[in-house]
Structures are given as C-alpha cells and as structure tokens.
Amino acid sequence: MNAILFPGQGSQLVGMGSEFYNKFDLAKKIFRQADEKLGFNISKIILEGPENDLKLTQNTQPAILTVSFTIFSILKNEFNFDLKKIKYFAGHSLGEYSALVCSESLKFDDALFLLYERGKSMQEAVPIGKGKMIAVLGSSIIEIKDLIEKNNFKGVCEIANDNAEGQTIVSGDTESISSFSKYLKENKKKFIPLNVSAPFHCSLMLPAAEKMKNKINSTNFIKPIIDIVCNVTSKPENNPENIKSLLIDQICSTVRWRESIINMANENISNFIEIGPGKVLSGMVKRTVKNINCFSINTIDDMKNINNELKK
C-alpha cells in the first residue's frame, strides 16, 4: 500500500514548480487562481522571488500549498496517477492543508485564504526576537522530554516537532530556549538553532489558534476521499468536524510526524510518495522506518517514473 506526503515550511525555494508552470496550462491556471484569491502576485514570488519575500510566513504557507497542489493535479490529470493505490494522505504542519485540498475535503481557494491568515496570525502571536526554535539531533524524544522536565523552565520550552528518530524541534520563549541550549551544550547534546521568524507549534501560538478558530470553523470541509493522518493525533481521520478541531489544535501542538510515519508503516504502507518542493520528508521517513520505499515528486521525470516504480 502507498501513502502520499505533503511538505511544510522549510521546503520552499525560489523557482519551485517552474518546470510545471512553463510546460502545463493547468499549472498556470492554478498559479493564476492563487494570485486572484490572495489579491497579490504570489506566482511572481514563487517563481522569481526575492527569497526574503518567499520566506515571510504568510507567503511561504500559501506558496508551498500552491506548488504541492499543482504537482499533485498534474500527476493526477496529465499522468493518470491512480489514487486507488493510495491508502493515506499526510502533510507536515501546513502540508496538512495540501493533503486536505488534494483529498477534496477543502477547496483550494479556501485553503489559500486559511494559510495566508494562519501565517499572519502565527507571525503576530509573538514579537520578533521573543521566540526561538532549535533542532536537537541524535537524542530520543523521551530523552528530550526528560531533559525539559528536569530543567523546570519558568517560561515556555516545548517539543514542537517530533520529526524523525534523532530529530526533534524544541520551541519557546528566547530565554527558556537559550537556557535549554546551554544545558544541552554542557551535556554534550547536539543541537542547531533554527532561522525562523516565530516559535511555532508551542503554547506561545495560542493567540494564533484563537484567531484562526472562527476562520476554520466557518469554512466548509467535507469528508476526504482518502483518510488524512493528522499531525496532532498521528492517526487517520475523515470526519470534517474533527478535522477542523485538529487544525485549530495543530497551531500550538506538537507535530507528531515520527509517530504518523510509524503508524502508517504498521498499517502496511510500504511506499511513501512526497509531493511538493524538496525532499525533506523522504529523509525523515528513511530515518524513522526501515525497508520502506520513498519517492519524491518535484520534476516531470519523477512523474514519468512513479507509475513504473509502484508496479515493481
């Protein structure tokens, strides 16, 4: 069985999707639709940059959705990809919106609006410089939880992303994360500060979740044609009301990606297909489960090969 994965923030790159945009009218139509819905030229930012504009959270989120949805639509409509072979969709953070659009639970226009507003709300939730994120490498999630509990921080220091075996993202206020970083250094634990504009997926994002609550609840969702494995629970979901609630929770909850991949593998998923810019998720899958096939689809050649690969 197969699952399709959709990337999140960090996979963006100026020029992403340009090969499809230059060759397929369908891609031009989707990009134009994004421009019209957002009321500004997101296409130009995606295709030409500048990089600083693309990196703005409120632009990054709808931009990655646009490219992921474009690649999926071309794969399905131009290369006759058979969705009957797919058991689950899953998306990393904002990628969950791509998964919902491609599973026909959420309209592309509505997802663009929600992601633009989500990006803006997340950026506004914490003043610049007041939040921080680090990637802790080579330690287990249990080990990191124990280290955080032992430190008993007065501020916020929480697990934002359980990405893969040996890759955990910790998020919180600048002071607490700096103290935690110092503690990690003293205990010879490897970590990397992340160049992000806000401390995502922690309780500091509660104001953003509150802002998004009405916007998400007033948007029409229908039952997806393929179950979505949700970030918050790491389990499949197809009830529209539950999906809405989980999207609100997701803003300030841990992205349980490692568990999601393990749970899918335990449900006999042997092929993971990453659709969208970059190959970040494929790397995470390979670090988490063994004897699994990973395919990244972000070029026309990738599309030509995928149907043959899945027949093997």
C-alpha atoms as a PDB file:
ATOM      1  CA  MET A   1       0.000   0.000   0.000  1.00  0.00           C
ATOM      2  CA  ASN A   2       1.000   3.635  -0.572  1.00  0.00           C
ATOM      3  CA  ALA A   3       0.764   6.984   1.228  1.00  0.00           C
ATOM      4  CA  ILE A   4       1.238  10.499  -0.137  1.00  0.00           C
ATOM      5  CA  LEU A   5       3.081  13.085   1.971  1.00  0.00           C
ATOM      6  CA  PHE A   6       2.990  16.877   1.557  1.00  0.00           C
ATOM      7  CA  PRO A   7       5.840  19.111   2.837  1.00  0.00           C
ATOM      8  CA  GLY A   8       5.693  22.069   5.203  1.00  0.00           C
ATOM      9  CA  GLN A   9       7.645  25.233   5.873  1.00  0.00           C
ATOM     10  CA  GLY A  10      11.365  24.956   5.182  1.00  0.00           C
ATOM     11  CA  SER A  11      10.897  23.197   1.817  1.00  0.00           C
ATOM     12  CA  GLN A  12      10.372  26.482  -0.086  1.00  0.00           C
ATOM     13  CA  LEU A  13      12.778  27.519  -2.797  1.00  0.00           C
ATOM     14  CA  VAL A  14      12.606  30.389  -5.296  1.00  0.00           C
ATOM     15  CA  GLY A  15      11.699  28.848  -8.670  1.00  0.00           C
ATOM     16  CA  MET A  16       9.909  25.828  -7.205  1.00  0.00           C
ATOM     17  CA  GLY A  17       7.293  24.478  -9.594  1.00  0.00           C
ATOM     18  CA  SER A  18       8.704  26.455 -12.548  1.00  0.00           C
ATOM     19  CA  GLU A  19       9.211  23.343 -14.713  1.00  0.00           C
ATOM     20  CA  PHE A  20       5.485  22.570 -14.435  1.00  0.00           C
ATOM     21  CA  TYR A  21       4.467  26.213 -14.811  1.00  0.00           C
ATOM     22  CA  ASN A  22       6.431  26.510 -18.065  1.00  0.00           C
ATOM     23  CA  LYS A  23       5.044  23.297 -19.574  1.00  0.00           C
ATOM     24  CA  PHE A  24       1.439  22.855 -18.395  1.00  0.00           C
ATOM     25  CA  ASP A  25      -1.563  25.167 -18.783  1.00  0.00           C
ATOM     26  CA  LEU A  26      -3.068  23.501 -15.710  1.00  0.00           C
ATOM     27  CA  ALA A  27      -0.142  24.801 -13.621  1.00  0.00           C
ATOM     28  CA  LYS A  28      -0.595  28.345 -14.983  1.00  0.00           C
ATOM     29  CA  LYS A  29      -4.313  28.134 -14.144  1.00  0.00           C
ATOM     30  CA  ILE A  30      -3.621  27.083 -10.518  1.00  0.00           C
ATOM     31  CA  PHE A  31      -0.981  29.799 -10.036  1.00  0.00           C
ATOM     32  CA  ARG A  32      -3.366  32.402 -11.516  1.00  0.00           C
ATOM     33  CA  GLN A  33      -6.115  31.192  -9.176  1.00  0.00           C
ATOM     34  CA  ALA A  34      -3.755  31.701  -6.209  1.00  0.00           C
ATOM     35  CA  ASP A  35      -2.951  35.267  -7.343  1.00  0.00           C
ATOM     36  CA  GLU A  36      -6.638  36.121  -7.709  1.00  0.00           C
ATOM     37  CA  LYS A  37      -7.643  34.653  -4.346  1.00  0.00           C
ATOM     38  CA  LEU A  38      -4.804  36.264  -2.378  1.00  0.00           C
ATOM     39  CA  GLY A  39      -5.058  39.606  -4.184  1.00  0.00           C
ATOM     40  CA  PHE A  40      -1.338  39.852  -4.886  1.00  0.00           C
ATOM     41  CA  ASN A  41       1.186  38.199  -7.208  1.00  0.00           C
ATOM     42  CA  ILE A  42       2.209  35.105  -5.200  1.00  0.00           C
ATOM     43  CA  SER A  43       3.171  33.461  -8.532  1.00  0.00           C
ATOM     44  CA  LYS A  44       5.947  36.003  -9.058  1.00  0.00           C
ATOM     45  CA  ILE A  45       7.250  35.462  -5.505  1.00  0.00           C
ATOM     46  CA  ILE A  46       7.249  31.674  -6.047  1.00  0.00           C
ATOM     47  CA  LEU A  47       8.898  31.758  -9.469  1.00  0.00           C
ATOM     48  CA  GLU A  48      11.216  34.769  -9.178  1.00  0.00           C
ATOM     49  CA  GLY A  49      11.483  35.712  -5.502  1.00  0.00           C
ATOM     50  CA  PRO A  50      13.021  37.640  -3.877  1.00  0.00           C
ATOM     51  CA  GLU A  51      13.831  34.965  -1.315  1.00  0.00           C
ATOM     52  CA  ASN A  52      13.109  37.308   1.620  1.00  0.00           C
ATOM     53  CA  ASP A  53       9.518  37.720   0.412  1.00  0.00           C
ATOM     54  CA  LEU A  54       9.094  33.971  -0.063  1.00  0.00           C
ATOM     55  CA  LYS A  55      10.443  33.361   3.464  1.00  0.00           C
ATOM     56  CA  LEU A  56       7.727  35.538   5.047  1.00  0.00           C
ATOM     57  CA  THR A  57       5.490  33.014   6.807  1.00  0.00           C
ATOM     58  CA  GLN A  58       2.268  34.465   5.387  1.00  0.00           C
ATOM     59  CA  ASN A  59       3.695  33.978   1.856  1.00  0.00           C
ATOM     60  CA  THR A  60       5.546  30.704   2.437  1.00  0.00           C
ATOM     61  CA  GLN A  61       2.439  28.830   3.555  1.00  0.00           C
ATOM     62  CA  PRO A  62       0.145  29.540   0.554  1.00  0.00           C
ATOM     63  CA  ALA A  63       3.186  29.288  -1.782  1.00  0.00           C
ATOM     64  CA  ILE A  64       4.023  25.727  -0.728  1.00  0.00           C
ATOM     65  CA  LEU A  65       0.328  24.772  -0.933  1.00  0.00           C
ATOM     66  CA  THR A  66       0.152  26.206  -4.483  1.00  0.00           C
ATOM     67  CA  VAL A  67       3.181  24.240  -5.681  1.00  0.00           C
ATOM     68  CA  SER A  68       2.144  20.997  -3.931  1.00  0.00           C
ATOM     69  CA  PHE A  69      -1.397  21.201  -5.319  1.00  0.00           C
ATOM     70  CA  THR A  70      -0.030  21.978  -8.805  1.00  0.00           C
ATOM     71  CA  ILE A  71       2.279  18.942  -8.790  1.00  0.00           C
ATOM     72  CA  PHE A  72      -0.495  16.680  -7.456  1.00  0.00           C
ATOM     73  CA  SER A  73      -3.020  17.959 -10.050  1.00  0.00           C
ATOM     74  CA  ILE A  74      -0.620  17.398 -12.954  1.00  0.00           C
ATOM     75  CA  LEU A  75       0.302  13.925 -11.688  1.00  0.00           C
ATOM     76  CA  LYS A  76      -3.379  13.022 -11.450  1.00  0.00           C
ATOM     77  CA  ASN A  77      -4.686  14.704 -14.615  1.00  0.00           C
ATOM     78  CA  GLU A  78      -1.746  14.586 -17.042  1.00  0.00           C
ATOM     79  CA  PHE A  79      -0.037  11.363 -15.941  1.00  0.00           C
ATOM     80  CA  ASN A  80      -3.174   9.400 -14.956  1.00  0.00           C
ATOM     81  CA  PHE A  81      -1.913   8.552 -11.483  1.00  0.00           C
ATOM     82  CA  ASP A  82      -4.269   6.018  -9.891  1.00  0.00           C
ATOM     83  CA  LEU A  83      -5.460   7.227  -6.477  1.00  0.00           C
ATOM     84  CA  LYS A  84      -6.955   3.795  -5.774  1.00  0.00           C
ATOM     85  CA  LYS A  85      -3.408   2.776  -4.893  1.00  0.00           C
ATOM     86  CA  ILE A  86      -3.296   5.337  -2.061  1.00  0.00           C
ATOM     87  CA  LYS A  87      -4.424   4.483   1.477  1.00  0.00           C
ATOM     88  CA  TYR A  88      -3.458   7.681   3.323  1.00  0.00           C
ATOM     89  CA  PHE A  89      -2.559  11.320   2.825  1.00  0.00           C
ATOM     90  CA  ALA A  90      -0.476  13.195   5.409  1.00  0.00           C
ATOM     91  CA  GLY A  91       1.084  16.653   5.481  1.00  0.00           C
ATOM     92  CA  HIS A  92       3.737  18.181   7.706  1.00  0.00           C
ATOM     93  CA  SER A  93       2.218  21.191   9.528  1.00  0.00           C
ATOM     94  CA  LEU A  94       0.931  23.461   6.687  1.00  0.00           C
ATOM     95  CA  GLY A  95       1.234  20.358   4.453  1.00  0.00           C
ATOM     96  CA  GLU A  96      -1.893  19.051   6.173  1.00  0.00           C
ATOM     97  CA  TYR A  97      -3.828  21.734   4.247  1.00  0.00           C
ATOM     98  CA  SER A  98      -2.296  20.464   0.972  1.00  0.00           C
ATOM     99  CA  ALA A  99      -3.402  16.958   1.948  1.00  0.00           C
ATOM    100  CA  LEU A 100      -6.951  18.180   2.622  1.00  0.00           C
ATOM    101  CA  VAL A 101      -7.150  20.031  -0.707  1.00  0.00           C
ATOM    102  CA  CYS A 102      -5.835  17.037  -2.673  1.00  0.00           C
ATOM    103  CA  SER A 103      -8.238  14.697  -0.861  1.00  0.00           C
ATOM    104  CA  GLU A 104     -11.104  17.031  -1.889  1.00  0.00           C
ATOM    105  CA  SER A 105     -12.033  17.835   1.713  1.00  0.00           C
ATOM    106  CA  LEU A 106     -11.167  21.524   1.352  1.00  0.00           C
ATOM    107  CA  LYS A 107     -11.360  23.844  -1.666  1.00  0.00           C
ATOM    108  CA  PHE A 108      -8.038  25.233  -2.902  1.00  0.00           C
ATOM    109  CA  ASP A 109      -9.332  28.832  -2.630  1.00  0.00           C
ATOM    110  CA  ASP A 110     -10.403  28.302   0.979  1.00  0.00           C
ATOM    111  CA  ALA A 111      -7.085  26.675   1.896  1.00  0.00           C
ATOM    112  CA  LEU A 112      -5.154  29.621   0.370  1.00  0.00           C
ATOM    113  CA  PHE A 113      -7.117  32.073   2.492  1.00  0.00           C
ATOM    114  CA  LEU A 114      -6.724  29.990   5.662  1.00  0.00           C
ATOM    115  CA  LEU A 115      -2.976  29.517   5.194  1.00  0.00           C
ATOM    116  CA  TYR A 116      -2.352  33.204   4.487  1.00  0.00           C
ATOM    117  CA  GLU A 117      -4.300  34.110   7.634  1.00  0.00           C
ATOM    118  CA  ARG A 118      -2.607  31.299   9.596  1.00  0.00           C
ATOM    119  CA  GLY A 119       0.842  32.545   8.584  1.00  0.00           C
ATOM    120  CA  LYS A 120      -0.052  36.111   9.543  1.00  0.00           C
ATOM    121  CA  SER A 121      -1.573  35.064  12.882  1.00  0.00           C
ATOM    122  CA  MET A 122       1.434  32.882  13.771  1.00  0.00           C
ATOM    123  CA  GLN A 123       3.823  35.721  12.931  1.00  0.00           C
ATOM    124  CA  GLU A 124       1.837  38.225  15.010  1.00  0.00           C
ATOM    125  CA  ALA A 125       1.454  35.913  18.035  1.00  0.00           C
ATOM    126  CA  VAL A 126       4.967  36.579  19.358  1.00  0.00           C
ATOM    127  CA  PRO A 127       7.019  39.794  18.899  1.00  0.00           C
ATOM    128  CA  ILE A 128      10.155  39.397  16.750  1.00  0.00           C
ATOM    129  CA  GLY A 129      13.091  38.255  18.877  1.00  0.00           C
ATOM    130  CA  LYS A 130      10.913  36.974  21.733  1.00  0.00           C
ATOM    131  CA  GLY A 131      10.764  33.379  20.486  1.00  0.00           C
ATOM    132  CA  LYS A 132      13.260  30.766  19.389  1.00  0.00           C
ATOM    133  CA  MET A 133      13.441  27.245  17.963  1.00  0.00           C
ATOM    134  CA  ILE A 134      16.251  24.664  17.964  1.00  0.00           C
ATOM    135  CA  ALA A 135      16.687  21.244  16.356  1.00  0.00           C
ATOM    136  CA  VAL A 136      18.028  18.643  18.791  1.00  0.00           C
ATOM    137  CA  LEU A 137      19.893  15.905  16.919  1.00  0.00           C
ATOM    138  CA  GLY A 138      20.811  12.360  17.939  1.00  0.00           C
ATOM    139  CA  SER A 139      18.672  12.227  21.108  1.00  0.00           C
ATOM    140  CA  SER A 140      15.429  10.288  21.544  1.00  0.00           C
ATOM    141  CA  ILE A 141      12.152  12.099  22.147  1.00  0.00           C
ATOM    142  CA  ILE A 142      11.903  10.520  25.638  1.00  0.00           C
ATOM    143  CA  GLU A 143      15.379  11.788  26.490  1.00  0.00           C
ATOM    144  CA  ILE A 144      14.485  15.338  25.390  1.00  0.00           C
ATOM    145  CA  LYS A 145      11.217  15.307  27.351  1.00  0.00           C
ATOM    146  CA  ASP A 146      13.146  14.245  30.461  1.00  0.00           C
ATOM    147  CA  LEU A 147      15.728  16.998  29.967  1.00  0.00           C
ATOM    148  CA  ILE A 148      12.994  19.651  29.626  1.00  0.00           C
ATOM    149  CA  GLU A 149      11.190  18.381  32.743  1.00  0.00           C
ATOM    150  CA  LYS A 150      14.422  18.338  34.788  1.00  0.00           C
ATOM    151  CA  ASN A 151      15.082  21.993  33.933  1.00  0.00           C
ATOM    152  CA  ASN A 152      11.622  23.075  35.100  1.00  0.00           C
ATOM    153  CA  PHE A 153      11.587  26.272  32.977  1.00  0.00           C
ATOM    154  CA  LYS A 154       9.528  29.231  34.168  1.00  0.00           C
ATOM    155  CA  GLY A 155       8.873  30.196  30.565  1.00  0.00           C
ATOM    156  CA  VAL A 156       7.900  28.106  27.531  1.00  0.00           C
ATOM    157  CA  CYS A 157      10.164  25.278  26.329  1.00  0.00           C
ATOM    158  CA  GLU A 158       8.167  22.626  24.463  1.00  0.00           C
ATOM    159  CA  ILE A 159       8.534  19.960  21.798  1.00  0.00           C
ATOM    160  CA  ALA A 160       7.247  21.496  18.562  1.00  0.00           C
ATOM    161  CA  ASN A 161       8.061  18.742  16.068  1.00  0.00           C
ATOM    162  CA  ASP A 162       8.791  15.076  16.648  1.00  0.00           C
ATOM    163  CA  ASN A 163      10.145  14.771  13.107  1.00  0.00           C
ATOM    164  CA  ALA A 164      12.159  11.554  12.952  1.00  0.00           C
ATOM    165  CA  GLU A 165      14.371   9.290  15.009  1.00  0.00           C
ATOM    166  CA  GLY A 166      17.074  11.611  16.338  1.00  0.00           C
ATOM    167  CA  GLN A 167      15.494  14.840  15.050  1.00  0.00           C
ATOM    168  CA  THR A 168      13.305  16.834  17.426  1.00  0.00           C
ATOM    169  CA  ILE A 169      12.438  20.531  17.254  1.00  0.00           C
ATOM    170  CA  VAL A 170      12.039  22.467  20.515  1.00  0.00           C
ATOM    171  CA  SER A 171      10.206  25.796  20.593  1.00  0.00           C
ATOM    172  CA  GLY A 172       9.542  28.514  23.161  1.00  0.00           C
ATOM    173  CA  ASP A 173      10.485  31.916  24.504  1.00  0.00           C
ATOM    174  CA  THR A 174      14.025  33.152  23.819  1.00  0.00           C
ATOM    175  CA  GLU A 175      15.191  32.999  27.441  1.00  0.00           C
ATOM    176  CA  SER A 176      13.994  29.428  28.072  1.00  0.00           C
ATOM    177  CA  ILE A 177      15.333  28.084  24.775  1.00  0.00           C
ATOM    178  CA  SER A 178      18.683  29.799  25.360  1.00  0.00           C
ATOM    179  CA  SER A 179      18.884  28.208  28.840  1.00  0.00           C
ATOM    180  CA  PHE A 180      17.965  24.822  27.384  1.00  0.00           C
ATOM    181  CA  SER A 181      20.594  25.221  24.646  1.00  0.00           C
ATOM    182  CA  LYS A 182      23.216  25.959  27.300  1.00  0.00           C
ATOM    183  CA  TYR A 183      22.164  22.855  29.234  1.00  0.00           C
ATOM    184  CA  LEU A 184      22.369  20.726  26.051  1.00  0.00           C
ATOM    185  CA  LYS A 185      25.856  22.065  25.341  1.00  0.00           C
ATOM    186  CA  GLU A 186      27.031  21.267  28.875  1.00  0.00           C
ATOM    187  CA  ASN A 187      25.692  17.727  28.476  1.00  0.00           C
ATOM    188  CA  LYS A 188      27.322  17.331  25.044  1.00  0.00           C
ATOM    189  CA  LYS A 189      23.984  17.032  23.215  1.00  0.00           C
ATOM    190  CA  LYS A 190      23.984  18.166  19.583  1.00  0.00           C
ATOM    191  CA  PHE A 191      21.609  20.946  18.560  1.00  0.00           C
ATOM    192  CA  ILE A 192      21.233  23.573  15.826  1.00  0.00           C
ATOM    193  CA  PRO A 193      19.483  26.967  16.238  1.00  0.00           C
ATOM    194  CA  LEU A 194      16.820  27.407  13.549  1.00  0.00           C
ATOM    195  CA  ASN A 195      16.476  30.551  11.470  1.00  0.00           C
ATOM    196  CA  VAL A 196      12.733  31.043  11.954  1.00  0.00           C
ATOM    197  CA  SER A 197      10.626  34.150  12.423  1.00  0.00           C
ATOM    198  CA  ALA A 198       8.490  32.816  15.308  1.00  0.00           C
ATOM    199  CA  PRO A 199       8.362  29.915  17.819  1.00  0.00           C
ATOM    200  CA  PHE A 200       5.897  27.641  16.022  1.00  0.00           C
ATOM    201  CA  HIS A 201       3.909  24.719  17.470  1.00  0.00           C
ATOM    202  CA  CYS A 202       4.102  25.640  21.130  1.00  0.00           C
ATOM    203  CA  SER A 203       1.747  27.298  23.629  1.00  0.00           C
ATOM    204  CA  LEU A 204       3.045  30.758  22.634  1.00  0.00           C
ATOM    205  CA  MET A 205       0.947  30.227  19.486  1.00  0.00           C
ATOM    206  CA  LEU A 206      -2.340  30.130  21.455  1.00  0.00           C
ATOM    207  CA  PRO A 207      -3.299  33.672  20.284  1.00  0.00           C
ATOM    208  CA  ALA A 208      -2.878  32.471  16.670  1.00  0.00           C
ATOM    209  CA  ALA A 209      -5.047  29.402  17.333  1.00  0.00           C
ATOM    210  CA  GLU A 210      -7.698  31.672  18.869  1.00  0.00           C
ATOM    211  CA  LYS A 211      -7.600  33.999  15.823  1.00  0.00           C
ATOM    212  CA  MET A 212      -7.914  31.051  13.426  1.00  0.00           C
ATOM    213  CA  LYS A 213     -10.726  29.304  15.315  1.00  0.00           C
ATOM    214  CA  ASN A 214     -13.654  31.161  13.708  1.00  0.00           C
ATOM    215  CA  LYS A 215     -11.997  31.255  10.283  1.00  0.00           C
ATOM    216  CA  ILE A 216     -11.508  27.467  10.258  1.00  0.00           C
ATOM    217  CA  ASN A 217     -14.918  26.702  11.786  1.00  0.00           C
ATOM    218  CA  SER A 218     -16.750  28.896   9.272  1.00  0.00           C
ATOM    219  CA  THR A 219     -15.013  27.202   6.295  1.00  0.00           C
ATOM    220  CA  ASN A 220     -16.723  24.325   4.518  1.00  0.00           C
ATOM    221  CA  PHE A 221     -14.966  20.955   4.863  1.00  0.00           C
ATOM    222  CA  ILE A 222     -16.354  17.691   3.504  1.00  0.00           C
ATOM    223  CA  LYS A 223     -15.310  14.086   4.065  1.00  0.00           C
ATOM    224  CA  PRO A 224     -11.952  13.472   2.342  1.00  0.00           C
ATOM    225  CA  ILE A 225     -11.846  10.826  -0.395  1.00  0.00           C
ATOM    226  CA  ILE A 226      -8.683   9.457   1.280  1.00  0.00           C
ATOM    227  CA  ASP A 227      -8.158   9.474   5.055  1.00  0.00           C
ATOM    228  CA  ILE A 228      -5.793  12.112   6.452  1.00  0.00           C
ATOM    229  CA  VAL A 229      -3.239  11.094   9.081  1.00  0.00           C
ATOM    230  CA  CYS A 230      -3.345  14.155  11.351  1.00  0.00           C
ATOM    231  CA  ASN A 231      -0.342  15.864  12.970  1.00  0.00           C
ATOM    232  CA  VAL A 232      -1.968  16.251  16.393  1.00  0.00           C
ATOM    233  CA  THR A 233      -3.054  12.617  16.875  1.00  0.00           C
ATOM    234  CA  SER A 234      -0.775  10.776  14.370  1.00  0.00           C
ATOM    235  CA  LYS A 235      -3.912   8.776  13.451  1.00  0.00           C
ATOM    236  CA  PRO A 236      -6.213   8.672  10.382  1.00  0.00           C
ATOM    237  CA  GLU A 237      -9.234  10.976  10.326  1.00  0.00           C
ATOM    238  CA  ASN A 238     -12.088  11.570   7.884  1.00  0.00           C
ATOM    239  CA  ASN A 239     -14.718  13.373   9.966  1.00  0.00           C
ATOM    240  CA  PRO A 240     -14.874  17.039   8.792  1.00  0.00           C
ATOM    241  CA  GLU A 241     -15.717  18.427  12.247  1.00  0.00           C
ATOM    242  CA  ASN A 242     -12.835  16.539  13.862  1.00  0.00           C
ATOM    243  CA  ILE A 243     -10.503  17.720  11.090  1.00  0.00           C
ATOM    244  CA  LYS A 244     -11.437  21.376  11.789  1.00  0.00           C
ATOM    245  CA  SER A 245     -10.836  20.969  15.510  1.00  0.00           C
ATOM    246  CA  LEU A 246      -7.470  19.286  14.905  1.00  0.00           C
ATOM    247  CA  LEU A 247      -6.354  22.069  12.520  1.00  0.00           C
ATOM    248  CA  ILE A 248      -7.007  24.616  15.286  1.00  0.00           C
ATOM    249  CA  ASP A 249      -5.132  22.488  17.854  1.00  0.00           C
ATOM    250  CA  GLN A 250      -2.276  21.884  15.403  1.00  0.00           C
ATOM    251  CA  ILE A 251      -1.150  25.541  15.570  1.00  0.00           C
ATOM    252  CA  CYS A 252       0.122  25.196  19.140  1.00  0.00           C
ATOM    253  CA  SER A 253       0.533  21.395  19.410  1.00  0.00           C
ATOM    254  CA  THR A 254       3.429  19.052  18.669  1.00  0.00           C
ATOM    255  CA  VAL A 255       3.638  17.832  15.074  1.00  0.00           C
ATOM    256  CA  ARG A 256       3.772  14.067  15.695  1.00  0.00           C
ATOM    257  CA  TRP A 257       5.378  13.217  12.377  1.00  0.00           C
ATOM    258  CA  ARG A 258       7.616  10.331  13.506  1.00  0.00           C
ATOM    259  CA  GLU A 259       4.621   8.582  15.089  1.00  0.00           C
ATOM    260  CA  SER A 260       2.487   9.264  11.992  1.00  0.00           C
ATOM    261  CA  ILE A 261       5.055   7.529   9.773  1.00  0.00           C
ATOM    262  CA  ILE A 262       5.401   4.565  12.181  1.00  0.00           C
ATOM    263  CA  ASN A 263       1.614   4.218  12.407  1.00  0.00           C
ATOM    264  CA  MET A 264       1.278   4.211   8.602  1.00  0.00           C
ATOM    265  CA  ALA A 265       4.104   1.675   8.250  1.00  0.00           C
ATOM    266  CA  ASN A 266       2.292  -0.527  10.787  1.00  0.00           C
ATOM    267  CA  GLU A 267      -0.765  -0.335   8.507  1.00  0.00           C
ATOM    268  CA  ASN A 268       1.260  -1.967   5.694  1.00  0.00           C
ATOM    269  CA  ILE A 269       2.306   1.221   3.913  1.00  0.00           C
ATOM    270  CA  SER A 270       5.475   0.262   2.055  1.00  0.00           C
ATOM    271  CA  ASN A 271       5.742   3.239  -0.358  1.00  0.00           C
ATOM    272  CA  PHE A 272       5.798   6.876   0.763  1.00  0.00           C
ATOM    273  CA  ILE A 273       5.417   9.424  -2.048  1.00  0.00           C
ATOM    274  CA  GLU A 274       6.421  13.001  -1.253  1.00  0.00           C
ATOM    275  CA  ILE A 275       4.623  15.535  -3.445  1.00  0.00           C
ATOM    276  CA  GLY A 276       5.796  19.134  -3.352  1.00  0.00           C
ATOM    277  CA  PRO A 277       9.030  21.115  -3.248  1.00  0.00           C
ATOM    278  CA  GLY A 278      12.141  19.464  -1.786  1.00  0.00           C
ATOM    279  CA  LYS A 279      12.888  16.049  -0.319  1.00  0.00           C
ATOM    280  CA  VAL A 280      12.811  16.849   3.408  1.00  0.00           C
ATOM    281  CA  LEU A 281      10.046  14.394   4.303  1.00  0.00           C
ATOM    282  CA  SER A 282      11.667  11.493   2.448  1.00  0.00           C
ATOM    283  CA  GLY A 283      14.748  11.972   4.611  1.00  0.00           C
ATOM    284  CA  MET A 284      12.621  11.901   7.761  1.00  0.00           C
ATOM    285  CA  VAL A 285      10.863   8.710   6.671  1.00  0.00           C
ATOM    286  CA  LYS A 286      14.168   6.928   5.947  1.00  0.00           C
ATOM    287  CA  ARG A 287      15.474   7.825   9.411  1.00  0.00           C
ATOM    288  CA  THR A 288      12.310   6.553  11.089  1.00  0.00           C
ATOM    289  CA  VAL A 289      11.348   3.263   9.378  1.00  0.00           C
ATOM    290  CA  LYS A 290      13.483   0.700   7.588  1.00  0.00           C
ATOM    291  CA  ASN A 291      12.747  -1.356   4.440  1.00  0.00           C
ATOM    292  CA  ILE A 292      10.468   1.355   3.085  1.00  0.00           C
ATOM    293  CA  ASN A 293      10.475   2.948  -0.374  1.00  0.00           C
ATOM    294  CA  CYS A 294      10.462   6.748  -0.618  1.00  0.00           C
ATOM    295  CA  PHE A 295       9.762   8.708  -3.795  1.00  0.00           C
ATOM    296  CA  SER A 296       9.983  12.496  -4.161  1.00  0.00           C
ATOM    297  CA  ILE A 297       7.936  14.015  -6.962  1.00  0.00           C
ATOM    298  CA  ASN A 298       9.017  17.513  -7.905  1.00  0.00           C
ATOM    299  CA  THR A 299      10.093  17.152 -11.552  1.00  0.00           C
ATOM    300  CA  ILE A 300       8.440  15.891 -14.752  1.00  0.00           C
ATOM    301  CA  ASP A 301      10.911  12.983 -14.867  1.00  0.00           C
ATOM    302  CA  ASP A 302       9.818  11.971 -11.357  1.00  0.00           C
ATOM    303  CA  MET A 303       6.238  11.818 -12.644  1.00  0.00           C
ATOM    304  CA  LYS A 304       7.175   9.710 -15.647  1.00  0.00           C
ATOM    305  CA  ASN A 305       8.856   7.184 -13.388  1.00  0.00           C
ATOM    306  CA  ILE A 306       6.429   6.887 -10.469  1.00  0.00           C
ATOM    307  CA  ASN A 307       3.819   4.624 -12.081  1.00  0.00           C
ATOM    308  CA  ASN A 308       6.567   2.202 -13.167  1.00  0.00           C
ATOM    309  CA  GLU A 309       8.188   2.296  -9.725  1.00  0.00           C
ATOM    310  CA  LEU A 310       4.929   1.384  -7.972  1.00  0.00           C
ATOM    311  CA  LYS A 311       4.413  -1.604 -10.311  1.00  0.00           C
ATOM    312  CA  LYS A 312       7.680  -3.214  -9.196  1.00  0.00           C
END
